[in-house]
Protein backbone atom coordinates (compact mmCIF):
# COMPACT_ATOMS: atom_id res chain seq x y z
CA MET A 1 -2.78 -14.24 1.55
CA GLU A 2 -6.50 -14.39 0.56
CA PRO A 3 -8.32 -11.48 -0.21
CA MET A 4 -11.44 -9.68 1.32
CA LEU A 5 -14.17 -9.38 -1.53
CA LEU A 6 -15.93 -5.99 -1.06
CA GLU A 7 -19.28 -6.50 -2.93
CA ARG A 8 -20.20 -3.20 -3.40
CA VAL A 9 -17.36 -0.98 -2.89
CA VAL A 10 -19.06 1.90 -4.68
CA PRO A 11 -22.96 1.43 -6.31
CA GLY A 12 -22.24 -1.30 -8.85
CA ILE A 13 -18.53 -1.88 -8.70
CA ALA A 14 -17.01 -4.92 -6.43
CA ALA A 15 -13.61 -5.37 -5.89
CA LEU A 16 -10.98 -7.82 -4.39
CA ALA A 17 -9.10 -5.82 -1.24
CA TRP A 18 -5.71 -6.89 0.46
CA GLY A 19 -4.41 -5.46 3.31
CA GLN A 20 -5.78 -3.22 6.69
CA PRO A 21 -8.20 -0.31 5.31
CA GLY A 22 -6.87 2.78 6.63
CA ARG A 23 -3.42 2.12 5.15
CA PRO A 24 -2.21 4.21 2.25
CA LEU A 25 -4.76 2.87 -0.95
CA ALA A 26 -3.11 1.10 -4.22
CA VAL A 27 -6.13 1.07 -6.65
CA LEU A 28 -5.58 -1.73 -8.62
CA VAL A 29 -7.20 -1.75 -12.24
CA HIS A 30 -7.20 -5.01 -14.14
CA GLY A 31 -7.61 -5.29 -18.08
CA PHE A 32 -8.81 -6.92 -21.00
CA PRO A 33 -9.59 -10.09 -21.51
CA ASP A 34 -9.37 -10.29 -17.52
CA THR A 35 -10.42 -9.74 -13.90
CA ALA A 36 -9.63 -8.30 -10.76
CA TRP A 37 -7.77 -11.71 -10.15
CA THR A 38 -4.63 -10.96 -12.22
CA TRP A 39 -3.50 -8.85 -8.86
CA ARG A 40 -3.64 -12.27 -7.13
CA HIS A 41 0.48 -11.83 -6.84
CA LEU A 42 0.49 -7.87 -6.68
CA GLY A 43 -1.86 -7.44 -4.06
CA PRO A 44 -0.35 -9.51 -1.31
CA ASP A 45 2.82 -8.06 -1.94
CA LEU A 46 1.52 -4.52 -1.70
CA ALA A 47 -0.17 -5.21 1.79
CA ARG A 48 3.08 -6.74 3.07
CA ARG A 49 4.44 -3.37 2.65
CA GLY A 50 1.65 -1.33 4.31
CA TRP A 51 -1.04 -0.97 1.54
CA TYR A 52 -4.15 -1.19 1.48
CA ALA A 53 -4.30 -2.90 -2.32
CA VAL A 54 -8.18 -2.76 -4.11
CA ALA A 55 -8.82 -4.08 -7.20
CA PRO A 56 -12.23 -3.56 -8.76
CA PHE A 57 -13.86 -5.77 -11.39
CA THR A 58 -14.66 -3.14 -13.98
CA ARG A 59 -18.27 -2.57 -15.04
CA GLY A 60 -19.23 -5.28 -16.67
CA TYR A 61 -17.48 -8.07 -15.27
CA ALA A 62 -18.91 -9.85 -12.67
CA PRO A 63 -19.43 -9.45 -9.62
CA SER A 64 -19.36 -5.69 -10.46
CA SER A 65 -23.14 -4.67 -12.40
CA LEU A 66 -23.66 -4.02 -16.23
CA ALA A 67 -23.78 -0.14 -16.79
CA ASP A 68 -25.28 2.00 -19.63
CA GLY A 69 -22.12 3.43 -20.89
CA TYR A 70 -18.38 1.80 -21.37
CA ASP A 71 -17.06 4.99 -22.26
CA ILE A 72 -13.29 5.69 -21.01
CA GLY A 73 -14.79 9.13 -19.22
CA GLY A 74 -16.82 6.37 -17.09
CA LEU A 75 -14.50 4.01 -16.33
CA VAL A 76 -12.19 7.08 -14.69
CA ALA A 77 -15.40 7.80 -12.87
CA ASP A 78 -15.51 4.38 -11.45
CA VAL A 79 -11.99 4.84 -10.10
CA VAL A 80 -12.20 8.02 -8.64
CA ALA A 81 -15.32 7.34 -6.86
CA VAL A 82 -13.82 4.18 -5.67
CA ARG A 83 -11.07 6.86 -4.01
CA ASP A 84 -13.40 8.84 -2.50
CA ARG A 85 -15.28 6.08 -1.02
CA LEU A 86 -11.94 4.29 0.75
CA THR A 87 -9.78 7.46 1.62
CA ASP A 88 -10.70 10.70 3.97
CA GLY A 89 -8.56 12.82 1.72
CA GLU A 90 -5.04 10.99 1.98
CA PRO A 91 -3.50 10.58 -1.79
CA ALA A 92 -4.13 7.42 -3.36
CA THR A 93 -1.92 5.56 -5.78
CA LEU A 94 -3.08 3.83 -9.37
CA VAL A 95 -1.43 0.81 -10.90
CA GLY A 96 -3.45 -0.16 -14.44
CA HIS A 97 -2.50 -3.11 -16.80
CA ASP A 98 -3.74 -3.27 -20.51
CA TRP A 99 -7.08 -1.49 -20.58
CA GLY A 100 -6.99 -0.93 -16.75
CA GLY A 101 -3.25 1.12 -17.72
CA ALA A 102 -5.47 3.47 -20.22
CA ILE A 103 -8.16 4.12 -17.33
CA VAL A 104 -5.18 4.97 -14.80
CA SER A 105 -3.51 7.59 -17.47
CA GLY A 106 -7.07 8.72 -18.07
CA VAL A 107 -7.57 9.31 -14.32
CA ALA A 108 -3.86 10.79 -14.27
CA ALA A 109 -4.62 13.45 -16.74
CA SER A 110 -8.49 14.40 -16.01
CA ALA A 111 -9.02 13.78 -12.41
CA PRO A 112 -5.30 13.94 -10.27
CA ASP A 113 -5.93 15.34 -7.28
CA GLY A 114 -6.30 12.66 -4.94
CA PHE A 115 -3.51 10.38 -6.31
CA ALA A 116 0.27 10.60 -5.55
CA SER A 117 1.42 8.52 -8.60
CA ALA A 118 0.60 5.83 -10.97
CA ALA A 119 2.58 2.47 -12.79
CA ILE A 120 0.95 1.67 -16.27
CA LEU A 121 1.54 -1.85 -17.90
CA ALA A 122 1.50 -2.86 -21.20
CA ILE A 123 0.41 0.29 -23.05
CA PRO A 124 2.10 3.49 -23.47
CA PRO A 125 0.18 6.48 -21.74
CA LEU A 126 -2.96 7.35 -24.03
CA PRO A 127 -1.27 10.78 -25.62
CA ALA A 128 1.66 8.80 -26.33
CA ILE A 129 -0.59 6.33 -28.39
CA ALA A 130 -3.23 9.13 -29.63
CA ALA A 131 0.22 10.97 -31.36
CA HIS A 132 0.89 8.40 -33.69
CA TRP A 133 -2.66 9.19 -35.03
CA LEU A 134 -3.04 12.55 -34.40
CA ARG A 135 0.41 13.89 -35.39
CA PRO A 136 2.16 11.63 -37.74
CA ASN A 137 5.51 11.20 -38.79
CA PRO A 138 7.64 8.51 -40.67
CA ARG A 139 8.78 6.86 -37.34
CA ARG A 140 5.16 6.84 -35.86
CA LEU A 141 3.69 5.72 -39.05
CA ALA A 142 6.23 2.84 -39.41
CA ARG A 143 5.70 2.26 -35.83
CA LEU A 144 1.51 1.60 -36.99
CA LEU A 145 2.54 -0.78 -39.71
CA ARG A 146 4.48 -2.82 -37.44
CA GLN A 147 1.86 -3.10 -34.83
CA ALA A 148 -1.08 -3.23 -37.50
CA PRO A 149 -1.13 -7.14 -37.37
CA ARG A 150 -1.55 -7.44 -33.76
CA SER A 151 -4.25 -5.11 -33.85
CA TRP A 152 -6.72 -6.79 -36.00
CA TYR A 153 -8.86 -7.59 -33.04
CA MET A 154 -9.90 -4.44 -32.68
CA ALA A 155 -11.43 -4.36 -35.98
CA TYR A 156 -12.92 -7.58 -35.29
CA PHE A 157 -14.99 -6.28 -32.23
CA GLN A 158 -16.27 -3.59 -34.29
CA VAL A 159 -18.74 -5.86 -35.80
CA PRO A 160 -21.58 -5.93 -33.79
CA GLY A 161 -22.91 -9.22 -32.32
CA LEU A 162 -20.02 -11.42 -33.73
CA ALA A 163 -16.92 -11.54 -31.11
CA GLU A 164 -19.38 -12.09 -27.89
CA ARG A 165 -20.64 -15.01 -29.69
CA THR A 166 -17.35 -16.78 -30.59
CA GLY A 167 -13.96 -17.89 -28.12
CA VAL A 168 -11.67 -15.02 -28.86
CA PHE A 169 -10.83 -14.49 -25.51
CA ASP A 170 -9.04 -17.41 -25.41
CA THR A 171 -7.75 -17.36 -28.71
CA LEU A 172 -6.16 -13.92 -27.11
CA TRP A 173 -4.96 -14.95 -23.95
CA ARG A 174 -2.74 -17.62 -26.13
CA ALA A 175 -1.80 -15.86 -28.60
CA TRP A 176 -0.35 -12.53 -26.23
CA ALA A 177 1.19 -15.03 -23.67
CA PRO A 178 2.20 -18.54 -25.36
CA GLY A 179 4.72 -19.31 -22.94
CA TYR A 180 2.33 -18.77 -19.90
CA ASP A 181 0.12 -21.36 -18.80
CA SER A 182 -3.25 -18.98 -19.00
CA THR A 183 -5.78 -21.83 -17.78
CA ALA A 184 -6.27 -20.49 -13.99
CA ASP A 185 -6.58 -17.08 -15.38
CA ARG A 186 -9.18 -18.00 -18.31
CA ALA A 187 -11.37 -19.77 -15.91
CA LEU A 188 -11.77 -16.70 -13.88
CA LEU A 189 -12.58 -14.83 -16.61
CA HIS A 190 -15.30 -17.02 -18.31
CA THR A 191 -16.72 -17.33 -14.43
CA SER A 192 -16.72 -13.15 -14.88
CA LEU A 193 -18.05 -12.90 -18.27
CA ASN A 194 -20.61 -15.56 -17.90
CA THR A 195 -23.30 -14.15 -19.93
CA LEU A 196 -23.76 -13.04 -23.65
CA ALA A 197 -24.57 -9.45 -22.31
CA ARG A 198 -21.14 -9.53 -19.96
CA ARG A 199 -19.11 -10.62 -22.85
CA ARG A 200 -20.65 -7.81 -24.85
CA ALA A 201 -20.04 -5.43 -22.28
CA ALA A 202 -16.07 -6.28 -22.23
CA ILE A 203 -16.22 -5.69 -25.82
CA THR A 204 -18.14 -2.53 -25.90
CA TYR A 205 -15.01 -0.87 -24.20
CA TYR A 206 -13.43 -0.73 -27.43
CA ARG A 207 -16.71 -0.07 -29.84
CA ALA A 208 -17.01 2.94 -27.32
CA VAL A 209 -13.86 4.14 -28.27
CA ALA A 210 -14.09 3.81 -32.14
CA ASN A 211 -18.10 4.81 -32.38
CA PRO A 212 -19.38 7.80 -30.70
CA LEU A 213 -22.97 5.86 -30.89
CA TYR A 214 -21.48 3.52 -27.63
CA ARG A 215 -20.53 6.96 -25.38
CA ARG A 216 -22.35 8.25 -22.67
CA LYS A 217 -22.23 12.19 -22.50
CA ALA A 218 -23.62 12.40 -19.06
CA ASP A 219 -20.59 11.26 -17.51
CA PRO A 220 -18.11 14.09 -15.97
CA TYR A 221 -14.55 12.99 -17.10
CA THR A 222 -15.21 13.02 -20.86
CA SER A 223 -12.94 11.00 -23.27
CA ARG A 224 -11.13 13.95 -24.77
CA ARG A 225 -10.20 14.74 -21.19
CA ALA A 226 -8.75 11.25 -20.25
CA PHE A 227 -6.77 11.46 -23.74
CA GLY A 228 -4.70 14.45 -22.57
CA ARG A 229 -1.12 14.53 -20.39
CA PRO A 230 -1.02 12.73 -17.40
CA GLN A 231 -0.23 14.69 -14.41
CA LEU A 232 1.01 12.16 -11.90
CA PRO A 233 4.59 10.89 -11.81
CA THR A 234 4.29 7.17 -13.51
CA LEU A 235 6.02 4.26 -13.95
CA TYR A 236 5.29 2.76 -17.52
CA LEU A 237 6.25 -0.77 -17.70
CA HIS A 238 6.46 -2.78 -21.28
CA GLY A 239 7.66 -6.27 -22.05
CA ASP A 240 9.63 -6.67 -24.95
CA GLN A 241 8.03 -9.71 -25.88
CA ASP A 242 4.52 -8.45 -25.84
CA ARG A 243 2.76 -10.19 -28.42
CA CYS A 244 -0.16 -7.32 -28.26
CA GLY A 245 1.12 -4.02 -28.41
CA ARG A 246 4.58 -3.79 -29.36
CA ALA A 247 6.88 -2.43 -26.94
CA ASP A 248 8.32 0.46 -29.73
CA LEU A 249 4.76 2.17 -29.75
CA GLY A 250 6.01 3.54 -26.01
CA SER A 251 9.10 4.72 -27.11
CA GLU A 252 8.24 8.56 -27.03
CA ALA A 253 6.08 7.70 -23.40
CA LEU A 254 8.51 9.93 -21.30
CA ALA A 255 7.73 12.92 -23.56
CA TYR A 256 4.15 12.83 -22.45
CA LEU A 257 4.78 12.38 -18.60
CA PRO A 258 5.61 14.79 -15.92
CA PRO A 259 9.11 14.87 -14.40
CA GLY A 260 10.35 12.09 -12.01
CA SER A 261 8.31 9.22 -14.77
CA GLN A 262 9.87 6.51 -15.78
CA ARG A 263 9.98 3.82 -18.96
CA VAL A 264 10.94 0.16 -17.64
CA ILE A 265 11.01 -2.57 -20.65
CA VAL A 266 11.00 -5.77 -18.76
CA PRO A 267 13.34 -8.15 -20.74
CA GLY A 268 11.83 -11.74 -21.31
CA ALA A 269 8.41 -10.46 -20.18
CA GLY A 270 5.12 -11.04 -22.87
CA HIS A 271 1.46 -9.21 -22.49
CA PHE A 272 0.81 -10.01 -19.08
CA LEU A 273 4.16 -9.49 -17.38
CA HIS A 274 2.58 -9.02 -13.76
CA LEU A 275 1.80 -12.89 -13.99
CA GLU A 276 4.75 -13.75 -16.40
CA ASN A 277 7.03 -12.41 -14.21
CA PRO A 278 5.72 -11.44 -10.64
CA THR A 279 8.73 -11.40 -9.03
CA THR A 280 10.54 -8.45 -11.18
CA VAL A 281 7.17 -6.60 -11.83
CA ASN A 282 6.17 -6.42 -8.07
CA GLU A 283 9.79 -5.46 -7.03
CA LEU A 284 9.67 -2.56 -9.69
CA ILE A 285 5.81 -1.84 -8.76
CA CYS A 286 6.43 -1.54 -5.14
CA SER A 287 9.46 -0.20 -5.13
CA TRP A 288 8.02 2.96 -7.32
CA LEU A 289 5.04 3.41 -5.35
CA ASP A 290 7.33 3.43 -1.97
CA ARG A 291 9.28 6.33 -3.51
CA THR A 292 6.62 8.26 -5.12
CA ARG A 293 4.67 9.49 -2.17
CA PRO A 294 4.16 13.12 -2.25
CA ALA A 295 7.16 14.41 -0.69
CA ASP A 296 9.25 12.49 -3.35
CA ARG A 297 7.68 13.86 -6.26
CA ASP A 298 10.32 16.50 -7.55
CA THR A 299 12.48 14.35 -9.22
CA PRO A 300 14.11 14.18 -12.84
CA ALA A 301 12.70 11.71 -15.37
CA GLU A 302 14.60 8.64 -16.14
CA GLU A 303 14.58 5.51 -18.32
CA LYS A 304 16.02 2.26 -18.01
């Protein structure tokens, strides 16, 4: 099933769409370094199950526009705007991978009204990550030490003008998914980030987290609110072979999620688990979204 390109779903944001408008909306948010095409397996599956799946190219990634800020508050605002544009008030649902998972966590914390549930892939909910830094204890510090060698790129990205001029995106794909042929994905990425300004935009997501000079104060959803506890039932998926973020960083995730949430470790899957093992991961997500419509929220949390 080929998607439709929505060239201007909201000002500055283009998206891919699968399914029929008017059906329940699922907003699929891609991560880094990736594009909306990352959902080319999940989008058709959701459409076949009666969803209208819409995958924005997040700000800076062509065909979406460059923006004047890339802090998480602005990224949250973009997702809320997509929901407002495509629904008449009916609850939508959220799916996000990597940076998209961070954005989804931020929406679920700071703007949950109008959404029924969420699924986050390859990254724990934001407050579960932040707890390692803000409330350290021996176990959390040990996890950070184990994670540190994999997080080198975050420090590298803070050097102005450097990373956007190198081949680091290809390096990360090969490191994070060594058993997966990412040739097609990387070609799509290079088409999207086809100028120095766009490559700089993608990296500025990280700079805006670490450096307040990169943040805009005018966005309605501040970074602080986005780092709060998600208020939506959330499915958190992480591959046990993830070479980007260790799965044990999310071992406390359920403590920061509301009742009805689940944490599932996917055996044999790496960082791009929805691409590496789409059959298993898509079924987990589709079943979750089908179960977590508004009337089905009040169930106890469980872990698999």
